[in-house]
C-alpha atoms as a PDB file:
ATOM      1  CA  MET A   1      89.566-117.519  69.017  1.00  0.00           C
ATOM      2  CA  ASN A   2      87.516-121.389  69.740  1.00  0.00           C
ATOM      3  CA  ILE A   3      86.788-121.789  66.046  1.00  0.00           C
ATOM      4  CA  VAL A   4      83.555-123.301  64.315  1.00  0.00           C
ATOM      5  CA  LEU A   5      84.253-125.256  60.680  1.00  0.00           C
ATOM      6  CA  ILE A   6      81.490-124.741  58.033  1.00  0.00           C
ATOM      7  CA  GLY A   7      82.345-127.982  55.403  1.00  0.00           C
ATOM      8  CA  TYR A   8      85.754-129.586  56.265  1.00  0.00           C
ATOM      9  CA  GLY A   9      87.288-129.445  52.216  1.00  0.00           C
ATOM     10  CA  ALA A  10      90.871-128.784  51.499  1.00  0.00           C
ATOM     11  CA  MET A  11      90.568-124.889  52.040  1.00  0.00           C
ATOM     12  CA  ASN A  12      88.993-125.632  56.248  1.00  0.00           C
ATOM     13  CA  GLN A  13      91.397-127.694  56.254  1.00  0.00           C
ATOM     14  CA  ARG A  14      93.865-125.516  56.058  1.00  0.00           C
ATOM     15  CA  VAL A  15      92.287-123.311  58.174  1.00  0.00           C
ATOM     16  CA  ALA A  16      92.458-125.303  61.272  1.00  0.00           C
ATOM     17  CA  ARG A  17      96.217-125.890  60.785  1.00  0.00           C
ATOM     18  CA  LEU A  18      97.058-122.250  60.606  1.00  0.00           C
ATOM     19  CA  ALA A  19      94.657-121.311  63.140  1.00  0.00           C
ATOM     20  CA  GLU A  20      96.782-123.664  65.331  1.00  0.00           C
ATOM     21  CA  GLN A  21      99.369-122.445  64.243  1.00  0.00           C
ATOM     22  CA  GLU A  22      98.417-119.500  65.634  1.00  0.00           C
ATOM     23  CA  GLY A  23      96.932-120.781  69.280  1.00  0.00           C
ATOM     24  CA  HIS A  24      93.321-120.998  68.072  1.00  0.00           C
ATOM     25  CA  LYS A  25      91.365-123.840  68.394  1.00  0.00           C
ATOM     26  CA  ILE A  26      88.322-125.915  66.273  1.00  0.00           C
ATOM     27  CA  VAL A  27      85.259-126.393  68.697  1.00  0.00           C
ATOM     28  CA  GLY A  28      83.403-128.115  65.981  1.00  0.00           C
ATOM     29  CA  VAL A  29      83.000-129.359  62.441  1.00  0.00           C
ATOM     30  CA  ILE A  30      80.064-129.265  60.196  1.00  0.00           C
ATOM     31  CA  VAL A  31      79.214-131.456  57.587  1.00  0.00           C
ATOM     32  CA  LYS A  32      77.557-133.102  55.158  1.00  0.00           C
ATOM     33  CA  ASP A  33      78.344-136.271  55.821  1.00  0.00           C
ATOM     34  CA  GLN A  34      77.567-137.236  59.851  1.00  0.00           C
ATOM     35  CA  ASN A  35      79.705-140.439  59.984  1.00  0.00           C
ATOM     36  CA  GLN A  36      82.790-138.754  59.091  1.00  0.00           C
ATOM     37  CA  SER A  37      86.258-139.260  60.705  1.00  0.00           C
ATOM     38  CA  LEU A  38      87.866-135.904  62.291  1.00  0.00           C
ATOM     39  CA  PRO A  39      90.086-135.386  64.418  1.00  0.00           C
ATOM     40  CA  TYR A  40      87.410-132.590  65.418  1.00  0.00           C
ATOM     41  CA  PRO A  41      83.315-133.480  67.102  1.00  0.00           C
ATOM     42  CA  ILE A  42      81.200-133.070  64.118  1.00  0.00           C
ATOM     43  CA  TYR A  43      77.458-130.948  64.289  1.00  0.00           C
ATOM     44  CA  GLN A  44      74.347-130.520  62.520  1.00  0.00           C
ATOM     45  CA  LYS A  45      73.515-126.966  63.193  1.00  0.00           C
ATOM     46  CA  ILE A  46      75.678-124.142  63.972  1.00  0.00           C
ATOM     47  CA  SER A  47      73.124-123.927  67.081  1.00  0.00           C
ATOM     48  CA  GLU A  48      74.929-127.256  68.519  1.00  0.00           C
ATOM     49  CA  ILE A  49      77.947-125.508  68.998  1.00  0.00           C
ATOM     50  CA  GLN A  50      78.105-123.659  72.970  1.00  0.00           C
ATOM     51  CA  ASP A  51      81.610-122.350  73.294  1.00  0.00           C
ATOM     52  CA  ALA A  52      82.052-121.076  70.110  1.00  0.00           C
ATOM     53  CA  ASP A  53      83.964-117.292  69.024  1.00  0.00           C
ATOM     54  CA  VAL A  54      83.357-116.867  65.448  1.00  0.00           C
ATOM     55  CA  ALA A  55      82.070-119.458  62.184  1.00  0.00           C
ATOM     56  CA  ILE A  56      84.436-119.577  59.164  1.00  0.00           C
ATOM     57  CA  ASP A  57      82.519-121.419  55.767  1.00  0.00           C
ATOM     58  CA  PHE A  58      84.391-122.891  52.757  1.00  0.00           C
ATOM     59  CA  SER A  59      81.547-125.301  51.591  1.00  0.00           C
ATOM     60  CA  HIS A  60      78.643-125.606  49.523  1.00  0.00           C
ATOM     61  CA  PRO A  61      75.472-123.110  49.006  1.00  0.00           C
ATOM     62  CA  ASP A  62      74.347-126.871  49.746  1.00  0.00           C
ATOM     63  CA  LEU A  63      75.096-127.015  53.096  1.00  0.00           C
ATOM     64  CA  LEU A  64      75.380-123.219  53.921  1.00  0.00           C
ATOM     65  CA  LEU A  65      71.713-122.062  53.221  1.00  0.00           C
ATOM     66  CA  PRO A  66      70.362-125.266  55.102  1.00  0.00           C
ATOM     67  CA  LEU A  67      72.467-123.969  58.026  1.00  0.00           C
ATOM     68  CA  LEU A  68      71.631-120.018  57.787  1.00  0.00           C
ATOM     69  CA  GLU A  69      68.167-120.560  58.823  1.00  0.00           C
ATOM     70  CA  ASP A  70      68.553-122.056  62.441  1.00  0.00           C
ATOM     71  CA  ASP A  71      67.794-119.537  65.554  1.00  0.00           C
ATOM     72  CA  PHE A  72      72.177-119.046  66.927  1.00  0.00           C
ATOM     73  CA  LYS A  73      73.518-115.693  66.648  1.00  0.00           C
ATOM     74  CA  LEU A  74      77.187-115.764  66.469  1.00  0.00           C
ATOM     75  CA  PRO A  75      80.240-113.482  64.474  1.00  0.00           C
ATOM     76  CA  LEU A  76      79.963-115.222  60.292  1.00  0.00           C
ATOM     77  CA  VAL A  77      83.028-115.276  57.456  1.00  0.00           C
ATOM     78  CA  ILE A  78      81.433-116.576  54.803  1.00  0.00           C
ATOM     79  CA  ALA A  79      83.072-117.814  51.434  1.00  0.00           C
ATOM     80  CA  THR A  80      80.970-119.919  49.589  1.00  0.00           C
ATOM     81  CA  THR A  81      81.045-119.774  46.006  1.00  0.00           C
ATOM     82  CA  GLY A  82      77.874-120.557  44.176  1.00  0.00           C
ATOM     83  CA  LYS A  83      74.786-118.431  45.124  1.00  0.00           C
ATOM     84  CA  LYS A  84      76.146-115.461  45.998  1.00  0.00           C
ATOM     85  CA  GLU A  85      72.520-113.195  45.626  1.00  0.00           C
ATOM     86  CA  GLU A  86      70.926-115.926  47.887  1.00  0.00           C
ATOM     87  CA  ILE A  87      73.443-116.003  50.177  1.00  0.00           C
ATOM     88  CA  THR A  88      74.129-112.336  50.391  1.00  0.00           C
ATOM     89  CA  GLN A  89      70.705-111.270  50.525  1.00  0.00           C
ATOM     90  CA  LYS A  90      70.479-113.586  53.528  1.00  0.00           C
ATOM     91  CA  LEU A  91      73.393-113.061  55.605  1.00  0.00           C
ATOM     92  CA  ARG A  92      72.549-109.092  54.776  1.00  0.00           C
ATOM     93  CA  SER A  93      69.053-110.303  57.385  1.00  0.00           C
ATOM     94  CA  LEU A  94      71.003-112.087  59.411  1.00  0.00           C
ATOM     95  CA  SER A  95      73.163-108.578  60.478  1.00  0.00           C
ATOM     96  CA  ALA A  96      71.065-107.450  62.203  1.00  0.00           C
ATOM     97  CA  ASP A  97      71.329-109.146  65.494  1.00  0.00           C
ATOM     98  CA  MET A  98      75.144-110.627  64.563  1.00  0.00           C
ATOM     99  CA  PRO A  99      77.954-109.630  62.351  1.00  0.00           C
ATOM    100  CA  VAL A 100      78.786-111.022  59.792  1.00  0.00           C
ATOM    101  CA  PHE A 101      81.911-111.073  56.867  1.00  0.00           C
ATOM    102  CA  PHE A 102      81.286-112.469  53.637  1.00  0.00           C
ATOM    103  CA  SER A 103      83.671-112.250  50.440  1.00  0.00           C
ATOM    104  CA  ALA A 104      83.969-114.325  47.300  1.00  0.00           C
ATOM    105  CA  ASN A 105      87.390-114.220  47.507  1.00  0.00           C
ATOM    106  CA  MET A 106      89.454-114.248  51.211  1.00  0.00           C
ATOM    107  CA  SER A 107      92.658-112.951  49.436  1.00  0.00           C
ATOM    108  CA  TYR A 108      93.134-108.631  50.745  1.00  0.00           C
ATOM    109  CA  GLY A 109      95.738-108.435  47.051  1.00  0.00           C
ATOM    110  CA  VAL A 110      92.178-109.307  44.970  1.00  0.00           C
ATOM    111  CA  HIS A 111      90.754-107.191  47.494  1.00  0.00           C
ATOM    112  CA  VAL A 112      92.856-104.883  46.414  1.00  0.00           C
ATOM    113  CA  LEU A 113      92.977-105.616  42.735  1.00  0.00           C
ATOM    114  CA  THR A 114      89.455-104.871  42.945  1.00  0.00           C
ATOM    115  CA  LYS A 115      90.329-100.790  44.566  1.00  0.00           C
ATOM    116  CA  LEU A 116      92.741-100.146  41.219  1.00  0.00           C
ATOM    117  CA  LEU A 117      89.803-101.748  38.510  1.00  0.00           C
ATOM    118  CA  GLU A 118      88.047 -98.476  40.107  1.00  0.00           C
ATOM    119  CA  LEU A 119      90.522 -96.664  39.227  1.00  0.00           C
ATOM    120  CA  ALA A 120      91.104 -97.814  35.842  1.00  0.00           C
ATOM    121  CA  VAL A 121      88.261 -98.266  34.264  1.00  0.00           C
ATOM    122  CA  PRO A 122      86.696 -94.513  34.598  1.00  0.00           C
ATOM    123  CA  LEU A 123      90.381 -94.020  33.150  1.00  0.00           C
ATOM    124  CA  LEU A 124      89.670 -96.245  29.980  1.00  0.00           C
ATOM    125  CA  LYS A 125      86.874 -95.392  28.712  1.00  0.00           C
ATOM    126  CA  ASP A 126      87.538 -96.022  25.151  1.00  0.00           C
ATOM    127  CA  TYR A 127      89.731 -99.583  25.910  1.00  0.00           C
ATOM    128  CA  ASP A 128      88.316-103.154  25.315  1.00  0.00           C
ATOM    129  CA  ILE A 129      87.814-105.724  27.900  1.00  0.00           C
ATOM    130  CA  GLU A 130      88.182-109.429  29.510  1.00  0.00           C
ATOM    131  CA  LEU A 131      88.645-110.523  31.699  1.00  0.00           C
ATOM    132  CA  THR A 132      89.961-114.687  32.289  1.00  0.00           C
ATOM    133  CA  GLU A 133      90.731-116.515  35.145  1.00  0.00           C
ATOM    134  CA  ALA A 134      93.316-120.235  35.926  1.00  0.00           C
ATOM    135  CA  HIS A 135      91.783-122.589  38.176  1.00  0.00           C
ATOM    136  CA  HIS A 136      92.972-125.951  39.211  1.00  0.00           C
ATOM    137  CA  ASN A 137      91.409-129.230  37.427  1.00  0.00           C
ATOM    138  CA  GLN A 138      89.154-130.287  39.502  1.00  0.00           C
ATOM    139  CA  LYS A 139      87.594-126.838  39.941  1.00  0.00           C
ATOM    140  CA  VAL A 140      84.227-127.356  38.955  1.00  0.00           C
ATOM    141  CA  ASP A 141      82.089-123.946  38.526  1.00  0.00           C
ATOM    142  CA  ALA A 142      83.380-121.889  36.274  1.00  0.00           C
ATOM    143  CA  PRO A 143      83.282-118.886  35.544  1.00  0.00           C
ATOM    144  CA  SER A 144      85.350-118.613  39.441  1.00  0.00           C
ATOM    145  CA  GLY A 145      83.259-116.203  41.940  1.00  0.00           C
ATOM    146  CA  THR A 146      86.295-113.765  41.685  1.00  0.00           C
ATOM    147  CA  LEU A 147      86.087-113.676  37.531  1.00  0.00           C
ATOM    148  CA  VAL A 148      82.446-112.504  38.587  1.00  0.00           C
ATOM    149  CA  LYS A 149      83.542-109.927  41.459  1.00  0.00           C
ATOM    150  CA  LEU A 150      85.555-108.364  39.463  1.00  0.00           C
ATOM    151  CA  TYR A 151      83.066-108.430  35.651  1.00  0.00           C
ATOM    152  CA  ASP A 152      80.243-106.504  38.628  1.00  0.00           C
ATOM    153  CA  VAL A 153      83.251-104.236  39.780  1.00  0.00           C
ATOM    154  CA  ILE A 154      83.331-103.125  35.897  1.00  0.00           C
ATOM    155  CA  THR A 155      80.249-103.161  34.938  1.00  0.00           C
ATOM    156  CA  GLU A 156      79.038-100.646  37.793  1.00  0.00           C
ATOM    157  CA  LEU A 157      81.075 -98.219  36.684  1.00  0.00           C
ATOM    158  CA  ARG A 158      80.672 -98.802  32.825  1.00  0.00           C
ATOM    159  CA  GLU A 159      77.311 -98.526  31.117  1.00  0.00           C
ATOM    160  CA  ASN A 160      75.555-100.945  29.095  1.00  0.00           C
ATOM    161  CA  MET A 161      78.043-103.656  29.297  1.00  0.00           C
ATOM    162  CA  TYR A 162      77.514-106.837  29.384  1.00  0.00           C
ATOM    163  CA  ALA A 163      79.659-111.007  29.029  1.00  0.00           C
ATOM    164  CA  ASN A 164      79.298-112.454  26.123  1.00  0.00           C
ATOM    165  CA  TYR A 165      80.199-116.095  27.245  1.00  0.00           C
ATOM    166  CA  ASN A 166      81.201-117.233  23.791  1.00  0.00           C
ATOM    167  CA  ARG A 167      82.454-116.205  20.427  1.00  0.00           C
ATOM    168  CA  SER A 168      82.528-119.531  18.397  1.00  0.00           C
ATOM    169  CA  GLU A 169      79.654-119.042  17.341  1.00  0.00           C
ATOM    170  CA  GLN A 170      79.171-115.841  16.652  1.00  0.00           C
ATOM    171  CA  GLU A 171      79.986-114.682  13.593  1.00  0.00           C
ATOM    172  CA  THR A 172      79.836-110.895  14.631  1.00  0.00           C
ATOM    173  CA  LYS A 173      83.119-108.587  14.705  1.00  0.00           C
ATOM    174  CA  ARG A 174      83.560-106.999  18.696  1.00  0.00           C
ATOM    175  CA  ASN A 175      80.795-104.863  19.649  1.00  0.00           C
ATOM    176  CA  SER A 176      82.122-102.774  22.234  1.00  0.00           C
ATOM    177  CA  ASN A 177      79.582-102.612  25.217  1.00  0.00           C
ATOM    178  CA  GLU A 178      81.416-106.055  25.938  1.00  0.00           C
ATOM    179  CA  ILE A 179      83.324-107.826  28.378  1.00  0.00           C
ATOM    180  CA  GLY A 180      84.940-110.940  26.678  1.00  0.00           C
ATOM    181  CA  ILE A 181      84.490-113.916  30.184  1.00  0.00           C
ATOM    182  CA  HIS A 182      87.599-116.792  29.475  1.00  0.00           C
ATOM    183  CA  ALA A 183      87.976-119.268  31.851  1.00  0.00           C
ATOM    184  CA  LEU A 184      91.083-122.008  31.587  1.00  0.00           C
ATOM    185  CA  ARG A 185      90.786-125.592  33.805  1.00  0.00           C
ATOM    186  CA  GLY A 186      94.508-127.698  34.468  1.00  0.00           C
ATOM    187  CA  GLY A 187      97.176-129.434  36.791  1.00  0.00           C
ATOM    188  CA  THR A 188      97.468-127.695  39.876  1.00  0.00           C
ATOM    189  CA  ILE A 189      97.124-123.218  39.516  1.00  0.00           C
ATOM    190  CA  VAL A 190      95.716-122.307  42.267  1.00  0.00           C
ATOM    191  CA  GLY A 191      93.893-119.488  40.671  1.00  0.00           C
ATOM    192  CA  GLU A 192      94.453-116.384  38.328  1.00  0.00           C
ATOM    193  CA  HIS A 193      93.072-113.292  37.438  1.00  0.00           C
ATOM    194  CA  ASP A 194      94.079-110.723  34.425  1.00  0.00           C
ATOM    195  CA  VAL A 195      92.194-107.870  33.461  1.00  0.00           C
ATOM    196  CA  LEU A 196      93.034-106.041  29.682  1.00  0.00           C
ATOM    197  CA  PHE A 197      92.454-102.863  28.485  1.00  0.00           C
ATOM    198  CA  ALA A 198      93.379-103.068  24.999  1.00  0.00           C
ATOM    199  CA  GLY A 199      93.031 -99.934  23.245  1.00  0.00           C
ATOM    200  CA  VAL A 200      94.806 -98.764  19.526  1.00  0.00           C
ATOM    201  CA  ASP A 201      98.944 -99.940  19.541  1.00  0.00           C
ATOM    202  CA  GLU A 202      98.563-100.099  23.286  1.00  0.00           C
ATOM    203  CA  THR A 203      96.963-102.518  26.587  1.00  0.00           C
ATOM    204  CA  ILE A 204      97.042-102.808  30.003  1.00  0.00           C
ATOM    205  CA  THR A 205      97.203-105.667  32.891  1.00  0.00           C
ATOM    206  CA  LEU A 206      96.307-106.019  36.004  1.00  0.00           C
ATOM    207  CA  SER A 207      97.005-109.247  37.272  1.00  0.00           C
ATOM    208  CA  HIS A 208      97.070-111.795  40.752  1.00  0.00           C
ATOM    209  CA  LYS A 209      98.460-114.357  40.582  1.00  0.00           C
ATOM    210  CA  ALA A 210      97.684-116.971  43.742  1.00  0.00           C
ATOM    211  CA  GLN A 211     100.510-119.300  44.930  1.00  0.00           C
ATOM    212  CA  SER A 212      99.303-120.889  48.393  1.00  0.00           C
ATOM    213  CA  LYS A 213      95.673-121.142  49.475  1.00  0.00           C
ATOM    214  CA  ASP A 214      97.472-120.120  52.235  1.00  0.00           C
ATOM    215  CA  ILE A 215      96.171-116.707  50.477  1.00  0.00           C
ATOM    216  CA  PHE A 216      93.152-117.751  50.645  1.00  0.00           C
ATOM    217  CA  ALA A 217      92.940-119.641  54.609  1.00  0.00           C
ATOM    218  CA  ASN A 218      94.836-116.502  56.690  1.00  0.00           C
ATOM    219  CA  GLY A 219      93.022-113.281  54.826  1.00  0.00           C
ATOM    220  CA  ALA A 220      89.409-115.613  56.569  1.00  0.00           C
ATOM    221  CA  LEU A 221      91.818-116.110  59.644  1.00  0.00           C
ATOM    222  CA  GLY A 222      92.242-112.013  60.031  1.00  0.00           C
ATOM    223  CA  ALA A 223      88.528-111.160  58.401  1.00  0.00           C
ATOM    224  CA  ALA A 224      87.404-113.582  61.942  1.00  0.00           C
ATOM    225  CA  LYS A 225      89.720-112.157  64.710  1.00  0.00           C
ATOM    226  CA  GLN A 226      88.561-107.773  63.640  1.00  0.00           C
ATOM    227  CA  LEU A 227      84.675-109.563  63.059  1.00  0.00           C
ATOM    228  CA  ILE A 228      84.860-111.299  66.567  1.00  0.00           C
ATOM    229  CA  GLU A 229      85.484-107.613  67.897  1.00  0.00           C
ATOM    230  CA  ARG A 230      82.446-105.461  66.213  1.00  0.00           C
ATOM    231  CA  GLN A 231      79.111-104.914  66.596  1.00  0.00           C
ATOM    232  CA  PRO A 232      76.468-106.734  64.081  1.00  0.00           C
ATOM    233  CA  GLY A 233      75.902-105.268  60.961  1.00  0.00           C
ATOM    234  CA  TYR A 234      76.835-106.503  57.306  1.00  0.00           C
ATOM    235  CA  TYR A 235      81.261-106.434  56.609  1.00  0.00           C
ATOM    236  CA  THR A 236      83.110-106.874  52.993  1.00  0.00           C
ATOM    237  CA  PHE A 237      86.742-106.013  52.845  1.00  0.00           C
ATOM    238  CA  ASP A 238      85.837-102.255  51.812  1.00  0.00           C
ATOM    239  CA  ASN A 239      84.870-102.014  55.478  1.00  0.00           C
ATOM    240  CA  LEU A 240      86.105-104.271  58.040  1.00  0.00           C
END
């Protein structure tokens, strides 16, 4: 594949390394700072790049969203977190003319975790649910996009649930309709997500622990390989 990278932070640097190991070619990079010294040609818009098969995005909404207003037709693999509703709405609009793929987490293992969650929530309807995520000390957003994805799965299956982000300011017992949200930051933790089901005298925990960021880069490359063969449409792990 000839690949365009949107953003060139730690994740897309991994994408570039792994892609080239597989024989793919990075034909261009789109970044905010046009004066950087990078090992690939730098572009301002997707439409400027003529020989690309797919664009892989690990960036920021401030970079990505203006690019999506450009006039182009190119398969897109989008992994940016933040402003999810705005991004997915725009991608659905673009999907009429090109195949687009979106996931808040490019790990296939995390996708399987959401499938397990869809089975567990109806079976454990009387259990309290708590969500915990842990990441490295450089991560700027909290809670993580992946935790939000897990929360969305739960609230679609159990009615009248709401998130409780801070119990320190409350002096009341836990409400059965609340989902506790906990974000931990420290060291070099790649990414850990736990869903705790707490019942009477027993608990069940579903966990995913990323041991290398390569899983996200490989997930994006795997999605790109399939996406370039697809018709225009909006794709996720569920239908790709």
